[in-house]
Amino acid sequence: MVKLGINEKSLPAAMSWFDKLNFAKNQGFSFVEMSIDETDARIARLSWNKEQRFSLVKDIYQSGVSIDTMMLSALRRFPLGSENKAIYDQSFDMCQQAIILAKDLGIRNIQIAGYDEYYGSKTPLTHENFIENLQRVVNFAAEHQVMISIETMDDCFINSIAKIKNVKKSIVSPWLQAYPDLGNISAWPDNQPIEDLTQGLDSIIAIHVKDVLSVTDQTSGKFKDVPFGEGDVNFLGLFKALKRVGYQGTFTIEMWSENDIDADSKVVFAHDFIVDLLTQSGLLVEM
């Protein structure tokens, strides 16, 4: 049995946390993934006071739905590999705040995007700064018993589990693992998704589920807002491979529908679409 969750940015933005958790529960999800994105409003969550944190803990207990993971995509704006010393340090400070927030809320896994730089230029220095700063983050996370996981991205810097395993050769810690995105690893023509998943199994603690349009010689692909079933990801084949090798981690549906008028119906469709394929593969979903 595996658990299926939904990322916060799929859920109607106008909902309160209590309503988001209950909506997820009513649709058959086991957990929600918190988003700390690039917006000031969500970055401000890192500075929540005790009362704000406890309020969400109460919502979690009253709804019966946990927040198991956190997506720290704010690091696109404040990249760990920045050549700017102020940003380099700020990104580490934000990771420290995120780790403490996760600890307070019962979140066990913080997903960090595999970018050394997102908006700026990539250089040998941004590469080394990323490794150096991530080592600081992992050390702090280990002190607080919170997992750090690197996501495979829409960027060649880290777009496969194999590349995450190379990072793990430099940062040797059980508190650093992989959070592959099935869409992202499927989109790149140089990747072999089944081989990547099966050979990387010992590093995978969670998996993002989204559809994409693949990168080709003629196109740069599409990594967001591709409706399930309209992209190029062979979910059933990938799920069967994960079943074969004994994957026991979680799956999280990832969409960006929170501001869509029909966000709720998109979530319902995505849930049913993925649960059907998970069931066909033999990966039964825990409700």
C-alpha atoms as a PDB file:
ATOM      1  CA  MET A   1       0.000   0.000   0.000  1.00  0.00           C
ATOM      2  CA  VAL A   2       1.243   3.468  -0.857  1.00  0.00           C
ATOM      3  CA  LYS A   3       0.057   6.899   0.235  1.00  0.00           C
ATOM      4  CA  LEU A   4      -1.111   9.509  -2.262  1.00  0.00           C
ATOM      5  CA  GLY A   5      -0.918  13.199  -1.396  1.00  0.00           C
ATOM      6  CA  ILE A   6      -1.680  16.486  -3.116  1.00  0.00           C
ATOM      7  CA  ASN A   7       0.438  19.624  -3.239  1.00  0.00           C
ATOM      8  CA  GLU A   8      -1.030  22.789  -1.773  1.00  0.00           C
ATOM      9  CA  LYS A   9      -0.798  24.691  -5.063  1.00  0.00           C
ATOM     10  CA  SER A  10      -3.361  22.316  -6.558  1.00  0.00           C
ATOM     11  CA  LEU A  11      -5.997  23.294  -3.988  1.00  0.00           C
ATOM     12  CA  PRO A  12      -8.228  26.383  -4.201  1.00  0.00           C
ATOM     13  CA  ALA A  13      -6.165  29.282  -2.865  1.00  0.00           C
ATOM     14  CA  ALA A  14      -9.133  30.931  -1.139  1.00  0.00           C
ATOM     15  CA  MET A  15      -9.564  27.990   1.218  1.00  0.00           C
ATOM     16  CA  SER A  16      -8.314  28.154   4.788  1.00  0.00           C
ATOM     17  CA  TRP A  17      -5.803  25.547   5.884  1.00  0.00           C
ATOM     18  CA  PHE A  18      -8.545  23.653   7.705  1.00  0.00           C
ATOM     19  CA  ASP A  19     -10.686  23.608   4.566  1.00  0.00           C
ATOM     20  CA  LYS A  20      -7.743  22.550   2.390  1.00  0.00           C
ATOM     21  CA  LEU A  21      -6.988  19.626   4.655  1.00  0.00           C
ATOM     22  CA  ASN A  22     -10.618  18.532   4.790  1.00  0.00           C
ATOM     23  CA  PHE A  23     -11.036  18.919   1.031  1.00  0.00           C
ATOM     24  CA  ALA A  24      -7.983  16.724   0.490  1.00  0.00           C
ATOM     25  CA  LYS A  25      -9.366  14.155   2.924  1.00  0.00           C
ATOM     26  CA  ASN A  26     -12.772  14.098   1.231  1.00  0.00           C
ATOM     27  CA  GLN A  27     -11.127  13.491  -2.146  1.00  0.00           C
ATOM     28  CA  GLY A  28      -9.203  10.486  -0.837  1.00  0.00           C
ATOM     29  CA  PHE A  29      -5.747  11.986  -0.257  1.00  0.00           C
ATOM     30  CA  SER A  30      -3.642  10.924   2.721  1.00  0.00           C
ATOM     31  CA  PHE A  31      -1.675  14.145   3.110  1.00  0.00           C
ATOM     32  CA  VAL A  32      -1.000  17.626   1.757  1.00  0.00           C
ATOM     33  CA  GLU A  33       2.348  19.074   0.694  1.00  0.00           C
ATOM     34  CA  MET A  34       2.956  22.626   1.960  1.00  0.00           C
ATOM     35  CA  SER A  35       4.261  25.175  -0.533  1.00  0.00           C
ATOM     36  CA  ILE A  36       6.839  27.772   0.448  1.00  0.00           C
ATOM     37  CA  ASP A  37       7.129  29.390  -2.965  1.00  0.00           C
ATOM     38  CA  GLU A  38       8.705  32.622  -4.218  1.00  0.00           C
ATOM     39  CA  THR A  39       5.858  34.880  -3.093  1.00  0.00           C
ATOM     40  CA  ASP A  40       6.408  37.104  -0.076  1.00  0.00           C
ATOM     41  CA  ALA A  41       3.209  35.812   1.518  1.00  0.00           C
ATOM     42  CA  ARG A  42       4.389  32.209   1.555  1.00  0.00           C
ATOM     43  CA  ILE A  43       7.967  33.033   2.466  1.00  0.00           C
ATOM     44  CA  ALA A  44       6.494  34.848   5.489  1.00  0.00           C
ATOM     45  CA  ARG A  45       5.355  31.466   6.806  1.00  0.00           C
ATOM     46  CA  LEU A  46       8.970  30.787   7.733  1.00  0.00           C
ATOM     47  CA  SER A  47       8.600  33.518  10.384  1.00  0.00           C
ATOM     48  CA  TRP A  48       5.279  32.354  11.824  1.00  0.00           C
ATOM     49  CA  ASN A  49       4.982  32.818  15.588  1.00  0.00           C
ATOM     50  CA  LYS A  50       4.086  30.020  18.000  1.00  0.00           C
ATOM     51  CA  GLU A  51       0.381  30.798  17.855  1.00  0.00           C
ATOM     52  CA  GLN A  52       0.279  30.575  14.061  1.00  0.00           C
ATOM     53  CA  ARG A  53       2.163  27.292  14.095  1.00  0.00           C
ATOM     54  CA  PHE A  54      -0.041  25.822  16.798  1.00  0.00           C
ATOM     55  CA  SER A  55      -3.172  26.900  14.917  1.00  0.00           C
ATOM     56  CA  LEU A  56      -2.107  24.811  11.925  1.00  0.00           C
ATOM     57  CA  VAL A  57      -1.174  21.878  14.159  1.00  0.00           C
ATOM     58  CA  LYS A  58      -4.715  21.984  15.549  1.00  0.00           C
ATOM     59  CA  ASP A  59      -6.123  22.017  12.010  1.00  0.00           C
ATOM     60  CA  ILE A  60      -4.015  18.951  11.198  1.00  0.00           C
ATOM     61  CA  TYR A  61      -5.264  17.047  14.238  1.00  0.00           C
ATOM     62  CA  GLN A  62      -8.898  18.100  13.814  1.00  0.00           C
ATOM     63  CA  SER A  63      -8.970  17.201  10.114  1.00  0.00           C
ATOM     64  CA  GLY A  64      -7.011  13.985  10.484  1.00  0.00           C
ATOM     65  CA  VAL A  65      -4.879  14.893   7.452  1.00  0.00           C
ATOM     66  CA  SER A  66      -1.166  15.486   7.920  1.00  0.00           C
ATOM     67  CA  ILE A  67       1.229  17.792   6.099  1.00  0.00           C
ATOM     68  CA  ASP A  68       3.973  15.277   5.391  1.00  0.00           C
ATOM     69  CA  THR A  69       6.190  17.256   3.035  1.00  0.00           C
ATOM     70  CA  MET A  70       7.213  20.835   2.264  1.00  0.00           C
ATOM     71  CA  MET A  71       8.155  22.188  -1.144  1.00  0.00           C
ATOM     72  CA  LEU A  72      10.745  24.930  -0.603  1.00  0.00           C
ATOM     73  CA  SER A  73      10.598  26.394  -4.119  1.00  0.00           C
ATOM     74  CA  ALA A  74      11.412  29.855  -2.727  1.00  0.00           C
ATOM     75  CA  LEU A  75      15.019  28.801  -3.333  1.00  0.00           C
ATOM     76  CA  ARG A  76      14.526  29.564  -7.012  1.00  0.00           C
ATOM     77  CA  ARG A  77      14.439  33.234  -5.958  1.00  0.00           C
ATOM     78  CA  PHE A  78      17.195  32.748  -3.384  1.00  0.00           C
ATOM     79  CA  PRO A  79      19.359  29.969  -4.853  1.00  0.00           C
ATOM     80  CA  LEU A  80      21.779  27.987  -2.731  1.00  0.00           C
ATOM     81  CA  GLY A  81      24.479  28.337  -5.386  1.00  0.00           C
ATOM     82  CA  SER A  82      24.312  32.111  -5.828  1.00  0.00           C
ATOM     83  CA  GLU A  83      27.585  33.956  -6.406  1.00  0.00           C
ATOM     84  CA  ASN A  84      26.084  36.840  -4.426  1.00  0.00           C
ATOM     85  CA  LYS A  85      27.237  36.288  -0.834  1.00  0.00           C
ATOM     86  CA  ALA A  86      24.144  37.938   0.629  1.00  0.00           C
ATOM     87  CA  ILE A  87      21.788  35.668  -1.344  1.00  0.00           C
ATOM     88  CA  TYR A  88      23.985  32.640  -0.649  1.00  0.00           C
ATOM     89  CA  ASP A  89      23.654  33.276   3.089  1.00  0.00           C
ATOM     90  CA  GLN A  90      19.981  34.200   2.889  1.00  0.00           C
ATOM     91  CA  SER A  91      19.166  30.910   1.180  1.00  0.00           C
ATOM     92  CA  PHE A  92      20.838  29.010   4.006  1.00  0.00           C
ATOM     93  CA  ASP A  93      18.971  31.081   6.595  1.00  0.00           C
ATOM     94  CA  MET A  94      15.688  30.290   4.840  1.00  0.00           C
ATOM     95  CA  CYS A  95      16.500  26.583   4.883  1.00  0.00           C
ATOM     96  CA  GLN A  96      17.200  26.772   8.606  1.00  0.00           C
ATOM     97  CA  GLN A  97      13.857  28.497   9.172  1.00  0.00           C
ATOM     98  CA  ALA A  98      12.107  25.915   7.014  1.00  0.00           C
ATOM     99  CA  ILE A  99      13.651  23.050   8.980  1.00  0.00           C
ATOM    100  CA  ILE A 100      12.464  24.501  12.293  1.00  0.00           C
ATOM    101  CA  LEU A 101       8.985  25.176  10.850  1.00  0.00           C
ATOM    102  CA  ALA A 102       8.836  21.608   9.557  1.00  0.00           C
ATOM    103  CA  LYS A 103       9.856  20.279  12.946  1.00  0.00           C
ATOM    104  CA  ASP A 104       7.148  22.327  14.677  1.00  0.00           C
ATOM    105  CA  LEU A 105       4.423  21.212  12.235  1.00  0.00           C
ATOM    106  CA  GLY A 106       5.390  17.538  12.090  1.00  0.00           C
ATOM    107  CA  ILE A 107       6.655  17.748   8.502  1.00  0.00           C
ATOM    108  CA  ARG A 108       9.346  15.129   7.953  1.00  0.00           C
ATOM    109  CA  ASN A 109      10.583  15.888   4.453  1.00  0.00           C
ATOM    110  CA  ILE A 110      11.629  19.193   2.848  1.00  0.00           C
ATOM    111  CA  GLN A 111      11.963  19.078  -0.926  1.00  0.00           C
ATOM    112  CA  ILE A 112      14.646  21.339  -2.394  1.00  0.00           C
ATOM    113  CA  ALA A 113      14.727  22.054  -6.119  1.00  0.00           C
ATOM    114  CA  GLY A 114      17.862  20.869  -7.869  1.00  0.00           C
ATOM    115  CA  TYR A 115      18.992  24.286  -9.119  1.00  0.00           C
ATOM    116  CA  ASP A 116      22.344  25.922  -8.424  1.00  0.00           C
ATOM    117  CA  GLU A 117      20.940  29.056 -10.092  1.00  0.00           C
ATOM    118  CA  TYR A 118      17.528  29.623 -11.606  1.00  0.00           C
ATOM    119  CA  TYR A 119      17.325  33.180 -12.938  1.00  0.00           C
ATOM    120  CA  GLY A 120      21.050  33.897 -13.054  1.00  0.00           C
ATOM    121  CA  SER A 121      23.934  32.385 -15.006  1.00  0.00           C
ATOM    122  CA  LYS A 122      25.281  28.949 -14.137  1.00  0.00           C
ATOM    123  CA  THR A 123      29.033  28.788 -13.589  1.00  0.00           C
ATOM    124  CA  PRO A 124      31.540  26.433 -11.966  1.00  0.00           C
ATOM    125  CA  LEU A 125      31.253  28.653  -8.877  1.00  0.00           C
ATOM    126  CA  THR A 126      27.452  28.336  -8.650  1.00  0.00           C
ATOM    127  CA  HIS A 127      27.901  24.567  -8.893  1.00  0.00           C
ATOM    128  CA  GLU A 128      30.414  24.490  -6.033  1.00  0.00           C
ATOM    129  CA  ASN A 129      28.432  26.973  -3.971  1.00  0.00           C
ATOM    130  CA  PHE A 130      25.356  24.761  -4.303  1.00  0.00           C
ATOM    131  CA  ILE A 131      27.215  21.727  -2.962  1.00  0.00           C
ATOM    132  CA  GLU A 132      28.845  23.747  -0.183  1.00  0.00           C
ATOM    133  CA  ASN A 133      25.626  25.424   0.929  1.00  0.00           C
ATOM    134  CA  LEU A 134      23.605  22.224   0.677  1.00  0.00           C
ATOM    135  CA  GLN A 135      26.118  20.538   2.977  1.00  0.00           C
ATOM    136  CA  ARG A 136      25.394  23.238   5.572  1.00  0.00           C
ATOM    137  CA  VAL A 137      21.662  22.679   5.136  1.00  0.00           C
ATOM    138  CA  VAL A 138      21.931  18.899   5.499  1.00  0.00           C
ATOM    139  CA  ASN A 139      24.068  19.231   8.624  1.00  0.00           C
ATOM    140  CA  PHE A 140      21.445  21.493  10.221  1.00  0.00           C
ATOM    141  CA  ALA A 141      18.626  19.176   9.111  1.00  0.00           C
ATOM    142  CA  ALA A 142      20.389  16.181  10.640  1.00  0.00           C
ATOM    143  CA  GLU A 143      20.600  17.989  13.975  1.00  0.00           C
ATOM    144  CA  HIS A 144      16.804  18.384  13.883  1.00  0.00           C
ATOM    145  CA  GLN A 145      15.984  14.978  12.333  1.00  0.00           C
ATOM    146  CA  VAL A 146      14.294  16.447   9.241  1.00  0.00           C
ATOM    147  CA  MET A 147      14.919  14.916   5.806  1.00  0.00           C
ATOM    148  CA  ILE A 148      16.203  17.027   2.911  1.00  0.00           C
ATOM    149  CA  SER A 149      15.316  15.684  -0.528  1.00  0.00           C
ATOM    150  CA  ILE A 150      16.434  16.992  -3.913  1.00  0.00           C
ATOM    151  CA  GLU A 151      13.862  17.097  -6.689  1.00  0.00           C
ATOM    152  CA  THR A 152      14.728  16.237 -10.276  1.00  0.00           C
ATOM    153  CA  MET A 153      14.073  19.376 -12.280  1.00  0.00           C
ATOM    154  CA  ASP A 154      13.126  21.005 -15.577  1.00  0.00           C
ATOM    155  CA  ASP A 155      16.785  21.992 -15.788  1.00  0.00           C
ATOM    156  CA  CYS A 156      19.865  20.057 -16.860  1.00  0.00           C
ATOM    157  CA  PHE A 157      21.733  20.794 -13.619  1.00  0.00           C
ATOM    158  CA  ILE A 158      19.855  18.007 -11.818  1.00  0.00           C
ATOM    159  CA  ASN A 159      17.287  16.300 -14.039  1.00  0.00           C
ATOM    160  CA  SER A 160      17.769  12.674 -13.001  1.00  0.00           C
ATOM    161  CA  ILE A 161      18.132  10.556  -9.879  1.00  0.00           C
ATOM    162  CA  ALA A 162      21.568   9.556 -11.140  1.00  0.00           C
ATOM    163  CA  LYS A 163      22.667  13.195 -10.820  1.00  0.00           C
ATOM    164  CA  ILE A 164      21.260  13.355  -7.291  1.00  0.00           C
ATOM    165  CA  LYS A 165      23.288  10.266  -6.426  1.00  0.00           C
ATOM    166  CA  ASN A 166      26.380  12.099  -7.696  1.00  0.00           C
ATOM    167  CA  VAL A 167      25.597  14.953  -5.295  1.00  0.00           C
ATOM    168  CA  LYS A 168      25.237  12.389  -2.521  1.00  0.00           C
ATOM    169  CA  LYS A 169      28.812  11.271  -3.195  1.00  0.00           C
ATOM    170  CA  SER A 170      29.935  14.744  -2.115  1.00  0.00           C
ATOM    171  CA  ILE A 171      27.416  15.072   0.721  1.00  0.00           C
ATOM    172  CA  VAL A 172      27.355  11.754   2.524  1.00  0.00           C
ATOM    173  CA  SER A 173      24.378  11.759   4.883  1.00  0.00           C
ATOM    174  CA  PRO A 174      21.260   9.653   5.439  1.00  0.00           C
ATOM    175  CA  TRP A 175      19.412  12.978   5.757  1.00  0.00           C
ATOM    176  CA  LEU A 176      19.877  13.799   2.054  1.00  0.00           C
ATOM    177  CA  GLN A 177      17.804  11.793  -0.408  1.00  0.00           C
ATOM    178  CA  ALA A 178      15.965  12.037  -3.743  1.00  0.00           C
ATOM    179  CA  TYR A 179      12.465  13.289  -4.542  1.00  0.00           C
ATOM    180  CA  PRO A 180      12.110  12.476  -8.256  1.00  0.00           C
ATOM    181  CA  ASP A 181       9.431  14.033 -10.422  1.00  0.00           C
ATOM    182  CA  LEU A 182       8.087  11.458 -12.898  1.00  0.00           C
ATOM    183  CA  GLY A 183       7.330  14.184 -15.408  1.00  0.00           C
ATOM    184  CA  ASN A 184      10.735  15.797 -15.211  1.00  0.00           C
ATOM    185  CA  ILE A 185      12.744  12.592 -15.520  1.00  0.00           C
ATOM    186  CA  SER A 186      10.539  11.496 -18.434  1.00  0.00           C
ATOM    187  CA  ALA A 187      10.859  14.763 -20.351  1.00  0.00           C
ATOM    188  CA  TRP A 188      14.586  14.618 -21.111  1.00  0.00           C
ATOM    189  CA  PRO A 189      15.620  12.568 -24.164  1.00  0.00           C
ATOM    190  CA  ASP A 190      18.907  11.490 -22.560  1.00  0.00           C
ATOM    191  CA  ASN A 191      17.113   9.935 -19.577  1.00  0.00           C
ATOM    192  CA  GLN A 192      15.943   6.349 -19.286  1.00  0.00           C
ATOM    193  CA  PRO A 193      13.183   6.809 -16.651  1.00  0.00           C
ATOM    194  CA  ILE A 194      12.733   3.157 -15.666  1.00  0.00           C
ATOM    195  CA  GLU A 195      16.476   2.641 -15.330  1.00  0.00           C
ATOM    196  CA  ASP A 196      16.783   5.888 -13.381  1.00  0.00           C
ATOM    197  CA  LEU A 197      14.027   4.875 -10.955  1.00  0.00           C
ATOM    198  CA  THR A 198      15.144   1.288 -10.444  1.00  0.00           C
ATOM    199  CA  GLN A 199      18.847   2.072 -10.048  1.00  0.00           C
ATOM    200  CA  GLY A 200      18.034   5.008  -7.779  1.00  0.00           C
ATOM    201  CA  LEU A 201      15.522   3.187  -5.591  1.00  0.00           C
ATOM    202  CA  ASP A 202      17.716   3.241  -2.486  1.00  0.00           C
ATOM    203  CA  SER A 203      17.686   7.062  -2.545  1.00  0.00           C
ATOM    204  CA  ILE A 204      13.998   7.702  -3.277  1.00  0.00           C
ATOM    205  CA  ILE A 205      11.803   8.747  -0.365  1.00  0.00           C
ATOM    206  CA  ALA A 206       8.945  10.469  -2.221  1.00  0.00           C
ATOM    207  CA  ILE A 207       7.773  10.947  -5.812  1.00  0.00           C
ATOM    208  CA  HIS A 208       6.049  13.845  -7.563  1.00  0.00           C
ATOM    209  CA  VAL A 209       3.422  12.905 -10.131  1.00  0.00           C
ATOM    210  CA  LYS A 210       2.702  15.304 -12.993  1.00  0.00           C
ATOM    211  CA  ASP A 211       2.359  15.153 -16.753  1.00  0.00           C
ATOM    212  CA  VAL A 212       4.690  16.987 -19.174  1.00  0.00           C
ATOM    213  CA  LEU A 213       5.440  17.473 -22.832  1.00  0.00           C
ATOM    214  CA  SER A 214       8.884  16.110 -23.619  1.00  0.00           C
ATOM    215  CA  VAL A 215      11.944  18.065 -24.703  1.00  0.00           C
ATOM    216  CA  THR A 216      12.779  17.427 -28.372  1.00  0.00           C
ATOM    217  CA  ASP A 217      15.131  18.785 -30.993  1.00  0.00           C
ATOM    218  CA  GLN A 218      12.360  21.155 -32.040  1.00  0.00           C
ATOM    219  CA  THR A 219      10.814  22.124 -28.669  1.00  0.00           C
ATOM    220  CA  SER A 220      11.921  22.925 -25.119  1.00  0.00           C
ATOM    221  CA  GLY A 221       9.103  20.833 -23.672  1.00  0.00           C
ATOM    222  CA  LYS A 222       6.414  21.907 -21.241  1.00  0.00           C
ATOM    223  CA  PHE A 223       6.861  21.180 -17.538  1.00  0.00           C
ATOM    224  CA  LYS A 224       3.779  22.825 -15.984  1.00  0.00           C
ATOM    225  CA  ASP A 225       0.041  22.904 -16.554  1.00  0.00           C
ATOM    226  CA  VAL A 226      -0.124  19.833 -18.802  1.00  0.00           C
ATOM    227  CA  PRO A 227      -3.420  18.080 -17.957  1.00  0.00           C
ATOM    228  CA  PHE A 228      -3.077  14.462 -16.877  1.00  0.00           C
ATOM    229  CA  GLY A 229      -3.406  12.147 -19.843  1.00  0.00           C
ATOM    230  CA  GLU A 230      -2.497  14.843 -22.373  1.00  0.00           C
ATOM    231  CA  GLY A 231       1.267  14.658 -21.893  1.00  0.00           C
ATOM    232  CA  ASP A 232       4.033  12.207 -22.683  1.00  0.00           C
ATOM    233  CA  VAL A 233       4.548  10.485 -19.318  1.00  0.00           C
ATOM    234  CA  ASN A 234       3.933   6.725 -19.376  1.00  0.00           C
ATOM    235  CA  PHE A 235       2.626   6.545 -15.835  1.00  0.00           C
ATOM    236  CA  LEU A 236       1.484   2.922 -15.942  1.00  0.00           C
ATOM    237  CA  GLY A 237       4.886   1.693 -17.095  1.00  0.00           C
ATOM    238  CA  LEU A 238       6.688   3.723 -14.430  1.00  0.00           C
ATOM    239  CA  PHE A 239       4.279   2.615 -11.693  1.00  0.00           C
ATOM    240  CA  LYS A 240       4.730  -1.016 -12.718  1.00  0.00           C
ATOM    241  CA  ALA A 241       8.503  -0.625 -12.542  1.00  0.00           C
ATOM    242  CA  LEU A 242       8.212   0.879  -9.055  1.00  0.00           C
ATOM    243  CA  LYS A 243       5.938  -1.968  -7.990  1.00  0.00           C
ATOM    244  CA  ARG A 244       8.422  -4.518  -9.331  1.00  0.00           C
ATOM    245  CA  VAL A 245      11.343  -3.115  -7.352  1.00  0.00           C
ATOM    246  CA  GLY A 246       9.324  -2.702  -4.163  1.00  0.00           C
ATOM    247  CA  TYR A 247       8.978   1.080  -3.821  1.00  0.00           C
ATOM    248  CA  GLN A 248       7.186   1.921  -0.563  1.00  0.00           C
ATOM    249  CA  GLY A 249       7.395   5.716  -0.405  1.00  0.00           C
ATOM    250  CA  THR A 250       4.706   8.302  -1.082  1.00  0.00           C
ATOM    251  CA  PHE A 251       3.323   9.822  -4.269  1.00  0.00           C
ATOM    252  CA  THR A 252       2.298  13.482  -4.481  1.00  0.00           C
ATOM    253  CA  ILE A 253       0.173  14.868  -7.292  1.00  0.00           C
ATOM    254  CA  GLU A 254       1.581  18.215  -8.420  1.00  0.00           C
ATOM    255  CA  MET A 255      -0.482  20.839 -10.215  1.00  0.00           C
ATOM    256  CA  TRP A 256      -0.690  24.642 -10.268  1.00  0.00           C
ATOM    257  CA  SER A 257      -4.467  25.021 -10.279  1.00  0.00           C
ATOM    258  CA  GLU A 258      -4.959  26.954  -7.021  1.00  0.00           C
ATOM    259  CA  ASN A 259      -6.212  30.098  -8.787  1.00  0.00           C
ATOM    260  CA  ASP A 260      -8.318  28.294 -11.403  1.00  0.00           C
ATOM    261  CA  ILE A 261     -12.096  28.583 -11.193  1.00  0.00           C
ATOM    262  CA  ASP A 262     -12.376  24.819 -11.580  1.00  0.00           C
ATOM    263  CA  ALA A 263      -9.504  23.908  -9.251  1.00  0.00           C
ATOM    264  CA  ASP A 264     -11.661  21.508  -7.236  1.00  0.00           C
ATOM    265  CA  SER A 265     -12.783  19.521 -10.277  1.00  0.00           C
ATOM    266  CA  LYS A 266      -9.199  19.349 -11.570  1.00  0.00           C
ATOM    267  CA  VAL A 267      -8.112  17.842  -8.263  1.00  0.00           C
ATOM    268  CA  VAL A 268     -10.908  15.270  -8.397  1.00  0.00           C
ATOM    269  CA  PHE A 269      -9.977  14.286 -11.960  1.00  0.00           C
ATOM    270  CA  ALA A 270      -6.260  14.053 -11.131  1.00  0.00           C
ATOM    271  CA  HIS A 271      -6.951  11.867  -8.088  1.00  0.00           C
ATOM    272  CA  ASP A 272      -9.130   9.432 -10.008  1.00  0.00           C
ATOM    273  CA  PHE A 273      -6.766   9.335 -12.993  1.00  0.00           C
ATOM    274  CA  ILE A 274      -3.705   8.484 -10.888  1.00  0.00           C
ATOM    275  CA  VAL A 275      -5.457   6.114  -8.486  1.00  0.00           C
ATOM    276  CA  ASP A 276      -6.738   4.082 -11.451  1.00  0.00           C
ATOM    277  CA  LEU A 277      -3.206   3.705 -12.833  1.00  0.00           C
ATOM    278  CA  LEU A 278      -1.707   2.947  -9.425  1.00  0.00           C
ATOM    279  CA  THR A 279      -4.353   0.258  -8.957  1.00  0.00           C
ATOM    280  CA  GLN A 280      -3.663  -1.232 -12.386  1.00  0.00           C
ATOM    281  CA  SER A 281       0.032  -1.406 -11.535  1.00  0.00           C
ATOM    282  CA  GLY A 282      -0.584  -3.224  -8.265  1.00  0.00           C
ATOM    283  CA  LEU A 283       0.397  -0.259  -6.107  1.00  0.00           C
ATOM    284  CA  LEU A 284      -2.788  -0.121  -4.032  1.00  0.00           C
ATOM    285  CA  VAL A 285      -3.516   3.285  -2.499  1.00  0.00           C
ATOM    286  CA  GLU A 286      -3.966   3.649   1.251  1.00  0.00           C
ATOM    287  CA  MET A 287      -7.003   5.758   2.080  1.00  0.00           C
END
